[in-house]
Amino acid sequence: MRSSSRVHTHPGPEGWYVLAGEQCLETSVGVFRGRAGETVVVPGNVPMELYITGSALRRALVVVVHDSRQPRGTPSAWIPPGACRQ
């Protein structure tokens, strides 16, 4: 199964606890992979694209911490190099 998010940023950190399946997060500061039982955290204002990887259905708890006066997410022009698509 392969699916991805749009390229975007958040004004605060975003964290995932992966309950099942796998994910790969490509960011401007590196690649973060997470499997069931693992946590991934990315700082705010970092361009990212999330890929669902592996063959199992991915389930995760996700939290974006930010000032409610700011948008939760903003599209980004950053182009991921493709590390998660391999």
C-alpha atoms as a PDB file:
ATOM      1  CA  MET A   1       0.000   0.000   0.000  1.00  0.00           C
ATOM      2  CA  ARG A   2       1.375   3.430  -0.927  1.00  0.00           C
ATOM      3  CA  SER A   3      -0.197   6.748  -0.169  1.00  0.00           C
ATOM      4  CA  SER A   4       1.196  10.194   0.595  1.00  0.00           C
ATOM      5  CA  SER A   5       0.236  13.587   1.980  1.00  0.00           C
ATOM      6  CA  ARG A   6       0.737  16.909   0.289  1.00  0.00           C
ATOM      7  CA  VAL A   7       4.033  18.687   0.984  1.00  0.00           C
ATOM      8  CA  HIS A   8       3.349  20.998   3.921  1.00  0.00           C
ATOM      9  CA  THR A   9       4.589  22.576   7.161  1.00  0.00           C
ATOM     10  CA  HIS A  10       3.099  23.041  10.628  1.00  0.00           C
ATOM     11  CA  PRO A  11       3.799  26.053  12.881  1.00  0.00           C
ATOM     12  CA  GLY A  12       4.603  23.702  15.789  1.00  0.00           C
ATOM     13  CA  PRO A  13       5.909  20.160  16.259  1.00  0.00           C
ATOM     14  CA  GLU A  14       4.023  17.151  14.909  1.00  0.00           C
ATOM     15  CA  GLY A  15       4.292  13.736  16.512  1.00  0.00           C
ATOM     16  CA  TRP A  16       3.061  10.259  15.608  1.00  0.00           C
ATOM     17  CA  TYR A  17       2.777   7.078  17.607  1.00  0.00           C
ATOM     18  CA  VAL A  18       2.416   4.324  15.030  1.00  0.00           C
ATOM     19  CA  LEU A  19      -0.116   1.721  16.187  1.00  0.00           C
ATOM     20  CA  ALA A  20       0.043  -0.533  13.109  1.00  0.00           C
ATOM     21  CA  GLY A  21       1.758  -0.574   9.741  1.00  0.00           C
ATOM     22  CA  GLU A  22       4.624   1.641   8.603  1.00  0.00           C
ATOM     23  CA  GLN A  23       5.213   5.223   7.563  1.00  0.00           C
ATOM     24  CA  CYS A  24       8.064   7.229   6.128  1.00  0.00           C
ATOM     25  CA  LEU A  25       8.300  10.975   6.569  1.00  0.00           C
ATOM     26  CA  GLU A  26      10.512  12.902   4.185  1.00  0.00           C
ATOM     27  CA  THR A  27      11.540  16.317   5.509  1.00  0.00           C
ATOM     28  CA  SER A  28      14.011  19.033   4.641  1.00  0.00           C
ATOM     29  CA  VAL A  29      16.099  17.886   7.645  1.00  0.00           C
ATOM     30  CA  GLY A  30      16.065  14.150   6.949  1.00  0.00           C
ATOM     31  CA  VAL A  31      13.997  10.986   6.630  1.00  0.00           C
ATOM     32  CA  PHE A  32      12.057   9.555   9.585  1.00  0.00           C
ATOM     33  CA  ARG A  33      10.679   6.009   9.398  1.00  0.00           C
ATOM     34  CA  GLY A  34       8.198   4.619  11.901  1.00  0.00           C
ATOM     35  CA  ARG A  35       6.754   1.148  12.482  1.00  0.00           C
ATOM     36  CA  ALA A  36       4.166  -0.153  14.932  1.00  0.00           C
ATOM     37  CA  GLY A  37       5.231   0.739  18.481  1.00  0.00           C
ATOM     38  CA  GLU A  38       7.523   3.591  17.422  1.00  0.00           C
ATOM     39  CA  THR A  39       7.260   7.363  17.798  1.00  0.00           C
ATOM     40  CA  VAL A  40       8.261  10.004  15.254  1.00  0.00           C
ATOM     41  CA  VAL A  41       8.473  13.736  16.090  1.00  0.00           C
ATOM     42  CA  VAL A  42       9.291  16.564  13.686  1.00  0.00           C
ATOM     43  CA  PRO A  43       9.890  20.181  14.786  1.00  0.00           C
ATOM     44  CA  GLY A  44       7.646  22.994  13.591  1.00  0.00           C
ATOM     45  CA  ASN A  45       8.191  24.890  10.341  1.00  0.00           C
ATOM     46  CA  VAL A  46       9.920  21.933   8.661  1.00  0.00           C
ATOM     47  CA  PRO A  47       8.615  21.042   5.166  1.00  0.00           C
ATOM     48  CA  MET A  48       7.431  17.427   5.045  1.00  0.00           C
ATOM     49  CA  GLU A  49       5.636  14.770   3.043  1.00  0.00           C
ATOM     50  CA  LEU A  50       4.267  11.654   4.742  1.00  0.00           C
ATOM     51  CA  TYR A  51       4.246   8.316   2.923  1.00  0.00           C
ATOM     52  CA  ILE A  52       2.375   5.235   4.063  1.00  0.00           C
ATOM     53  CA  THR A  53       4.653   2.272   3.331  1.00  0.00           C
ATOM     54  CA  GLY A  54       4.546  -1.478   3.785  1.00  0.00           C
ATOM     55  CA  SER A  55       1.687  -3.871   3.061  1.00  0.00           C
ATOM     56  CA  ALA A  56      -0.311  -3.545   6.314  1.00  0.00           C
ATOM     57  CA  LEU A  57      -2.910  -0.899   7.069  1.00  0.00           C
ATOM     58  CA  ARG A  58      -1.214   1.972   8.924  1.00  0.00           C
ATOM     59  CA  ARG A  59      -2.867   3.371  12.029  1.00  0.00           C
ATOM     60  CA  ALA A  60      -1.345   6.147  14.123  1.00  0.00           C
ATOM     61  CA  LEU A  61      -2.119   8.695  16.805  1.00  0.00           C
ATOM     62  CA  VAL A  62      -1.091  12.140  15.548  1.00  0.00           C
ATOM     63  CA  VAL A  63      -0.662  15.412  17.438  1.00  0.00           C
ATOM     64  CA  VAL A  64       0.220  18.831  16.002  1.00  0.00           C
ATOM     65  CA  VAL A  65       1.054  21.344  18.727  1.00  0.00           C
ATOM     66  CA  HIS A  66       0.584  24.957  17.659  1.00  0.00           C
ATOM     67  CA  ASP A  67      -0.886  28.312  18.595  1.00  0.00           C
ATOM     68  CA  SER A  68      -4.592  28.142  17.684  1.00  0.00           C
ATOM     69  CA  ARG A  69      -4.317  31.579  16.052  1.00  0.00           C
ATOM     70  CA  GLN A  70      -2.090  30.057  13.378  1.00  0.00           C
ATOM     71  CA  PRO A  71      -3.167  27.636  10.635  1.00  0.00           C
ATOM     72  CA  ARG A  72      -2.654  23.960  11.478  1.00  0.00           C
ATOM     73  CA  GLY A  73      -0.841  23.325   8.200  1.00  0.00           C
ATOM     74  CA  THR A  74       0.422  25.297   5.219  1.00  0.00           C
ATOM     75  CA  PRO A  75       1.340  24.005   1.737  1.00  0.00           C
ATOM     76  CA  SER A  76       5.065  24.095   0.970  1.00  0.00           C
ATOM     77  CA  ALA A  77       6.974  24.472  -2.322  1.00  0.00           C
ATOM     78  CA  TRP A  78       9.802  22.222  -1.040  1.00  0.00           C
ATOM     79  CA  ILE A  79      10.358  19.183  -3.295  1.00  0.00           C
ATOM     80  CA  PRO A  80      11.176  15.920  -1.477  1.00  0.00           C
ATOM     81  CA  PRO A  81      14.186  14.085  -2.961  1.00  0.00           C
ATOM     82  CA  GLY A  82      12.291  10.762  -3.081  1.00  0.00           C
ATOM     83  CA  ALA A  83      13.962   8.724  -0.320  1.00  0.00           C
ATOM     84  CA  CYS A  84      10.629   7.332   0.939  1.00  0.00           C
ATOM     85  CA  ARG A  85       9.481   6.281  -2.532  1.00  0.00           C
ATOM     86  CA  GLN A  86      12.253   3.714  -2.964  1.00  0.00           C
END
